[in-house]
């Protein structure tokens, strides 16, 4: 079960499936009637600020149905296995790079200076 904490006359912070959600009382904000009606119909309401989405208001029952976001990347064990099975470095690579650098010359002091 997730932890919850209630503070009288303040916000309520709920830890819900490893997420934190702040709850405010309806009397603290003005929610237009059409937004309340849309949420009651289980429609998502997007609140825009300067023509950009700022908030999404959803019905609490719909939030419980949303899946957790997938983890990005690979598990560490799998990544280490891939590195362990990778080809070993080319022993001649260092000599090849040194030859290229000798041919090109030293790097400029300021590489971003106009040429």
N, C-alpha and C. Protein backbone atom coordinates (compact mmCIF):
# COMPACT_ATOMS: atom_id res chain seq x y z
N UNK A 1 0.85 -1.19 0.00
CA UNK A 1 0.00 0.00 0.00
C UNK A 1 0.89 1.24 0.00
N UNK A 2 0.50 2.22 -0.73
CA UNK A 2 1.28 3.45 -0.81
C UNK A 2 1.05 4.30 0.43
N UNK A 3 2.04 5.11 0.76
CA UNK A 3 1.92 6.02 1.90
C UNK A 3 1.08 7.23 1.51
N UNK A 4 0.40 7.81 2.48
CA UNK A 4 -0.30 9.06 2.23
C UNK A 4 -0.19 9.92 3.48
N UNK A 5 -0.27 11.23 3.27
CA UNK A 5 -0.17 12.18 4.38
C UNK A 5 -1.22 13.25 4.18
N UNK A 6 -1.98 13.54 5.19
CA UNK A 6 -3.01 14.57 5.10
C UNK A 6 -2.63 15.72 6.01
N UNK A 7 -2.66 16.93 5.46
CA UNK A 7 -2.40 18.14 6.24
C UNK A 7 -3.69 18.95 6.22
N UNK A 8 -4.31 19.22 7.39
CA UNK A 8 -5.57 19.96 7.40
C UNK A 8 -5.42 21.34 6.77
N UNK A 9 -6.40 21.72 5.97
CA UNK A 9 -6.46 23.04 5.32
C UNK A 9 -5.23 23.33 4.47
N UNK A 10 -4.65 22.32 3.93
CA UNK A 10 -3.48 22.49 3.07
C UNK A 10 -3.60 21.47 1.94
N UNK A 11 -2.55 21.26 1.23
CA UNK A 11 -2.59 20.28 0.15
C UNK A 11 -2.35 18.89 0.73
N UNK A 12 -2.72 17.90 -0.05
CA UNK A 12 -2.53 16.51 0.33
C UNK A 12 -1.57 15.91 -0.68
N UNK A 13 -0.49 15.34 -0.18
CA UNK A 13 0.47 14.70 -1.08
C UNK A 13 0.27 13.20 -0.98
N UNK A 14 0.04 12.58 -2.12
CA UNK A 14 -0.18 11.14 -2.16
C UNK A 14 0.93 10.49 -2.96
N UNK A 15 1.54 9.46 -2.41
CA UNK A 15 2.47 8.66 -3.18
C UNK A 15 1.65 7.52 -3.75
N UNK A 16 1.60 7.44 -5.07
CA UNK A 16 0.71 6.52 -5.72
C UNK A 16 1.47 5.80 -6.81
N UNK A 17 1.75 4.55 -6.62
CA UNK A 17 2.53 3.78 -7.57
C UNK A 17 3.84 4.49 -7.92
N UNK A 18 4.57 4.89 -6.90
CA UNK A 18 5.87 5.54 -7.02
C UNK A 18 5.77 6.90 -7.69
N UNK A 19 4.60 7.52 -7.66
CA UNK A 19 4.43 8.87 -8.19
C UNK A 19 3.91 9.74 -7.05
N UNK A 20 4.18 11.01 -7.11
CA UNK A 20 3.66 11.94 -6.11
C UNK A 20 2.60 12.79 -6.78
N UNK A 21 1.47 12.95 -6.11
CA UNK A 21 0.39 13.76 -6.65
C UNK A 21 -0.02 14.73 -5.55
N UNK A 22 -0.12 16.00 -5.88
CA UNK A 22 -0.58 17.01 -4.95
C UNK A 22 -2.06 17.25 -5.20
N UNK A 23 -2.83 17.24 -4.13
CA UNK A 23 -4.28 17.46 -4.22
C UNK A 23 -4.60 18.80 -3.58
N UNK A 24 -5.43 19.59 -4.26
CA UNK A 24 -5.88 20.86 -3.70
C UNK A 24 -7.40 20.82 -3.62
N UNK A 25 -7.96 21.63 -2.72
CA UNK A 25 -9.40 21.68 -2.56
C UNK A 25 -10.03 22.47 -3.71
N UNK A 26 -11.23 22.09 -4.10
CA UNK A 26 -11.91 22.76 -5.21
C UNK A 26 -12.16 24.23 -4.91
N UNK A 27 -12.29 24.59 -3.63
CA UNK A 27 -12.55 25.98 -3.28
C UNK A 27 -11.32 26.86 -3.53
N UNK A 28 -10.15 26.26 -3.70
CA UNK A 28 -8.92 27.03 -3.88
C UNK A 28 -8.72 27.49 -5.33
N UNK A 29 -9.44 26.89 -6.27
CA UNK A 29 -9.28 27.23 -7.68
C UNK A 29 -10.66 27.40 -8.30
N UNK A 30 -10.70 28.10 -9.41
CA UNK A 30 -11.95 28.24 -10.15
C UNK A 30 -11.87 27.34 -11.37
N UNK A 31 -12.67 26.29 -11.38
CA UNK A 31 -12.72 25.37 -12.50
C UNK A 31 -14.02 25.64 -13.25
N UNK A 32 -13.95 26.01 -14.52
CA UNK A 32 -15.17 26.31 -15.27
C UNK A 32 -16.12 25.10 -15.30
N UNK A 33 -17.40 25.41 -15.39
CA UNK A 33 -18.42 24.37 -15.39
C UNK A 33 -18.20 23.37 -16.52
N UNK A 34 -17.86 23.86 -17.71
CA UNK A 34 -17.69 22.93 -18.83
C UNK A 34 -16.52 21.99 -18.61
N UNK A 35 -15.48 22.43 -17.87
CA UNK A 35 -14.38 21.53 -17.54
C UNK A 35 -14.84 20.47 -16.53
N UNK A 36 -15.61 20.89 -15.52
CA UNK A 36 -16.13 19.93 -14.54
C UNK A 36 -17.02 18.90 -15.21
N UNK A 37 -17.87 19.38 -16.13
CA UNK A 37 -18.77 18.46 -16.83
C UNK A 37 -18.00 17.49 -17.72
N UNK A 38 -16.95 17.98 -18.38
CA UNK A 38 -16.14 17.10 -19.23
C UNK A 38 -15.43 16.03 -18.40
N UNK A 39 -14.89 16.42 -17.25
CA UNK A 39 -14.22 15.45 -16.37
C UNK A 39 -15.24 14.44 -15.85
N UNK A 40 -16.46 14.89 -15.55
CA UNK A 40 -17.49 13.97 -15.09
C UNK A 40 -17.84 12.94 -16.17
N UNK A 41 -17.68 13.32 -17.45
CA UNK A 41 -17.92 12.40 -18.57
C UNK A 41 -16.65 11.58 -18.88
N UNK A 42 -15.65 11.69 -18.03
CA UNK A 42 -14.37 10.97 -18.19
C UNK A 42 -13.60 11.44 -19.42
N UNK A 43 -13.74 12.71 -19.76
CA UNK A 43 -12.94 13.31 -20.83
C UNK A 43 -11.75 14.02 -20.19
N UNK A 44 -10.61 13.99 -20.86
CA UNK A 44 -9.46 14.74 -20.37
C UNK A 44 -9.63 16.20 -20.75
N UNK A 45 -9.25 17.11 -19.86
CA UNK A 45 -9.34 18.54 -20.10
C UNK A 45 -7.91 19.08 -20.12
N UNK A 46 -7.53 19.70 -21.23
CA UNK A 46 -6.20 20.28 -21.36
C UNK A 46 -6.31 21.77 -21.05
N UNK A 47 -5.53 22.25 -20.09
CA UNK A 47 -5.50 23.66 -19.72
C UNK A 47 -4.30 24.27 -20.43
N UNK A 48 -4.56 25.32 -21.22
CA UNK A 48 -3.48 25.95 -21.98
C UNK A 48 -3.10 27.28 -21.35
N UNK A 49 -1.84 27.62 -21.48
CA UNK A 49 -1.31 28.90 -21.03
C UNK A 49 -0.48 29.45 -22.18
N UNK A 50 -0.91 30.58 -22.72
CA UNK A 50 -0.25 31.19 -23.88
C UNK A 50 -0.20 30.22 -25.05
N UNK A 51 -1.33 29.58 -25.28
CA UNK A 51 -1.53 28.65 -26.40
C UNK A 51 -0.69 27.38 -26.30
N UNK A 52 -0.13 27.09 -25.12
CA UNK A 52 0.66 25.87 -24.94
C UNK A 52 0.04 25.06 -23.81
N UNK A 53 -0.02 23.73 -23.95
CA UNK A 53 -0.59 22.90 -22.88
C UNK A 53 0.20 23.07 -21.58
N UNK A 54 -0.51 23.31 -20.49
CA UNK A 54 0.13 23.49 -19.20
C UNK A 54 -0.28 22.40 -18.22
N UNK A 55 -1.54 21.99 -18.24
CA UNK A 55 -2.05 20.99 -17.32
C UNK A 55 -3.03 20.09 -18.05
N UNK A 56 -3.23 18.91 -17.52
CA UNK A 56 -4.29 18.02 -17.98
C UNK A 56 -5.08 17.62 -16.74
N UNK A 57 -6.38 17.81 -16.81
CA UNK A 57 -7.27 17.43 -15.72
C UNK A 57 -7.95 16.14 -16.15
N UNK A 58 -7.83 15.11 -15.33
CA UNK A 58 -8.43 13.82 -15.64
C UNK A 58 -9.27 13.35 -14.47
N UNK A 59 -10.22 12.51 -14.75
CA UNK A 59 -11.04 11.90 -13.71
C UNK A 59 -10.15 10.94 -12.92
N UNK A 60 -10.27 10.90 -11.59
CA UNK A 60 -9.41 10.01 -10.79
C UNK A 60 -9.50 8.55 -11.20
N UNK A 61 -10.67 8.08 -11.62
CA UNK A 61 -10.79 6.69 -12.05
C UNK A 61 -10.01 6.42 -13.32
N UNK A 62 -9.90 7.41 -14.19
CA UNK A 62 -9.15 7.23 -15.44
C UNK A 62 -7.65 7.22 -15.18
N UNK A 63 -7.20 7.96 -14.19
CA UNK A 63 -5.77 7.98 -13.86
C UNK A 63 -5.31 6.61 -13.41
N UNK A 64 -6.16 5.88 -12.68
CA UNK A 64 -5.78 4.55 -12.20
C UNK A 64 -5.61 3.58 -13.36
N UNK A 65 -6.27 3.84 -14.49
CA UNK A 65 -6.19 2.92 -15.62
C UNK A 65 -4.99 3.17 -16.52
N UNK A 66 -4.30 4.29 -16.35
CA UNK A 66 -3.18 4.58 -17.23
C UNK A 66 -2.00 3.69 -16.87
N UNK A 67 -1.34 3.11 -17.86
CA UNK A 67 -0.21 2.23 -17.57
C UNK A 67 1.02 3.02 -17.13
N UNK A 68 1.88 2.38 -16.38
CA UNK A 68 3.14 3.01 -15.99
C UNK A 68 4.00 3.18 -17.23
N UNK A 69 4.76 4.25 -17.31
CA UNK A 69 5.62 4.42 -18.48
C UNK A 69 6.70 3.35 -18.50
N UNK A 70 7.05 2.93 -19.70
CA UNK A 70 8.08 1.91 -19.85
C UNK A 70 9.44 2.46 -19.45
N UNK A 71 10.26 1.61 -18.87
CA UNK A 71 11.61 2.03 -18.51
C UNK A 71 12.43 2.21 -19.77
N UNK A 72 13.25 3.23 -19.77
CA UNK A 72 14.09 3.49 -20.93
C UNK A 72 15.41 2.75 -20.78
N UNK A 73 16.00 2.40 -21.89
CA UNK A 73 17.32 1.78 -21.88
C UNK A 73 17.27 0.30 -21.55
N UNK A 74 18.45 -0.25 -21.37
CA UNK A 74 18.59 -1.67 -21.07
C UNK A 74 18.92 -1.86 -19.61
N UNK A 75 18.60 -3.02 -19.06
CA UNK A 75 19.04 -3.31 -17.70
C UNK A 75 20.58 -3.36 -17.67
N UNK A 76 21.15 -2.99 -16.54
CA UNK A 76 22.60 -2.94 -16.42
C UNK A 76 23.23 -4.28 -16.72
N UNK A 77 22.66 -5.36 -16.25
CA UNK A 77 23.23 -6.70 -16.48
C UNK A 77 23.32 -6.99 -17.97
N UNK A 78 22.27 -6.62 -18.72
CA UNK A 78 22.28 -6.86 -20.16
C UNK A 78 23.32 -5.98 -20.86
N UNK A 79 23.43 -4.72 -20.46
CA UNK A 79 24.41 -3.83 -21.07
C UNK A 79 25.84 -4.32 -20.80
N UNK A 80 26.10 -4.78 -19.58
CA UNK A 80 27.43 -5.29 -19.27
C UNK A 80 27.74 -6.55 -20.08
N UNK A 81 26.73 -7.38 -20.28
CA UNK A 81 26.92 -8.58 -21.11
C UNK A 81 27.26 -8.22 -22.55
N UNK A 82 26.59 -7.20 -23.09
CA UNK A 82 26.89 -6.75 -24.45
C UNK A 82 28.32 -6.22 -24.55
N UNK A 83 28.74 -5.45 -23.55
CA UNK A 83 30.11 -4.93 -23.57
C UNK A 83 31.13 -6.05 -23.43
N UNK A 84 30.83 -7.04 -22.62
CA UNK A 84 31.77 -8.15 -22.43
C UNK A 84 31.93 -8.97 -23.71
N UNK A 85 30.86 -9.06 -24.50
CA UNK A 85 30.91 -9.85 -25.73
C UNK A 85 31.31 -9.03 -26.95
N UNK A 86 31.59 -7.76 -26.77
CA UNK A 86 31.96 -6.90 -27.90
C UNK A 86 33.37 -7.26 -28.39
N UNK A 87 33.65 -6.89 -29.61
CA UNK A 87 34.98 -7.14 -30.18
C UNK A 87 36.03 -6.35 -29.43
N UNK A 88 37.20 -6.92 -29.32
CA UNK A 88 38.29 -6.21 -28.64
C UNK A 88 38.79 -5.07 -29.53
N UNK A 89 39.39 -4.05 -28.94
CA UNK A 89 39.85 -2.92 -29.73
C UNK A 89 40.94 -3.31 -30.73
N UNK A 90 40.97 -2.59 -31.82
CA UNK A 90 41.97 -2.82 -32.87
C UNK A 90 43.31 -2.29 -32.38
N UNK A 91 44.33 -3.12 -32.32
CA UNK A 91 45.62 -2.64 -31.81
C UNK A 91 46.25 -1.57 -32.71
N UNK A 92 45.93 -1.55 -33.98
CA UNK A 92 46.51 -0.55 -34.87
C UNK A 92 45.74 0.76 -34.90
N UNK A 93 44.64 0.86 -34.17
CA UNK A 93 43.82 2.07 -34.19
C UNK A 93 44.60 3.29 -33.71
N UNK A 94 45.37 3.14 -32.64
CA UNK A 94 46.12 4.27 -32.09
C UNK A 94 47.12 4.78 -33.11
N UNK A 95 47.84 3.88 -33.75
CA UNK A 95 48.80 4.31 -34.77
C UNK A 95 48.11 5.02 -35.94
N UNK A 96 46.94 4.50 -36.35
CA UNK A 96 46.20 5.14 -37.44
C UNK A 96 45.78 6.55 -37.05
N UNK A 97 45.27 6.74 -35.83
CA UNK A 97 44.83 8.06 -35.39
C UNK A 97 46.01 9.02 -35.27
N UNK A 98 47.13 8.54 -34.75
CA UNK A 98 48.31 9.40 -34.66
C UNK A 98 48.78 9.83 -36.04
N UNK A 99 48.70 8.93 -37.04
CA UNK A 99 49.08 9.28 -38.41
C UNK A 99 48.15 10.35 -38.98
N UNK A 100 46.86 10.23 -38.70
CA UNK A 100 45.90 11.23 -39.18
C UNK A 100 46.18 12.58 -38.54
N UNK A 101 46.40 12.60 -37.22
CA UNK A 101 46.67 13.86 -36.53
C UNK A 101 47.96 14.49 -37.00
N UNK A 102 49.00 13.67 -37.28
CA UNK A 102 50.26 14.21 -37.81
C UNK A 102 50.05 14.84 -39.18
N UNK A 103 49.19 14.24 -40.00
CA UNK A 103 48.93 14.75 -41.34
C UNK A 103 48.12 16.05 -41.29
N UNK A 104 47.16 16.14 -40.38
CA UNK A 104 46.29 17.31 -40.28
C UNK A 104 47.00 18.45 -39.59
N UNK A 105 47.79 18.16 -38.59
CA UNK A 105 48.47 19.20 -37.84
C UNK A 105 47.80 19.43 -36.51
N UNK A 106 48.35 20.31 -35.70
CA UNK A 106 47.79 20.53 -34.37
C UNK A 106 46.42 21.20 -34.44
N UNK A 107 45.65 20.97 -33.40
CA UNK A 107 44.33 21.57 -33.30
C UNK A 107 44.49 23.07 -33.00
N UNK A 108 43.59 23.90 -33.53
CA UNK A 108 43.69 25.34 -33.26
C UNK A 108 43.41 25.64 -31.79
N UNK A 109 43.92 26.79 -31.30
CA UNK A 109 43.68 27.18 -29.92
C UNK A 109 42.19 27.38 -29.65
N UNK A 110 41.51 28.04 -30.59
CA UNK A 110 40.07 28.26 -30.48
C UNK A 110 39.40 27.65 -31.70
N UNK A 111 38.84 26.44 -31.57
CA UNK A 111 38.25 25.81 -32.75
C UNK A 111 37.01 26.52 -33.27
N UNK A 112 36.41 27.41 -32.45
CA UNK A 112 35.20 28.11 -32.86
C UNK A 112 35.49 29.49 -33.47
N UNK A 113 36.75 29.85 -33.54
CA UNK A 113 37.11 31.14 -34.13
C UNK A 113 36.83 31.13 -35.63
N UNK A 114 36.49 32.28 -36.21
CA UNK A 114 36.25 32.31 -37.67
C UNK A 114 37.53 31.94 -38.41
N UNK A 115 37.36 31.17 -39.47
CA UNK A 115 38.54 30.74 -40.24
C UNK A 115 38.78 31.64 -41.42
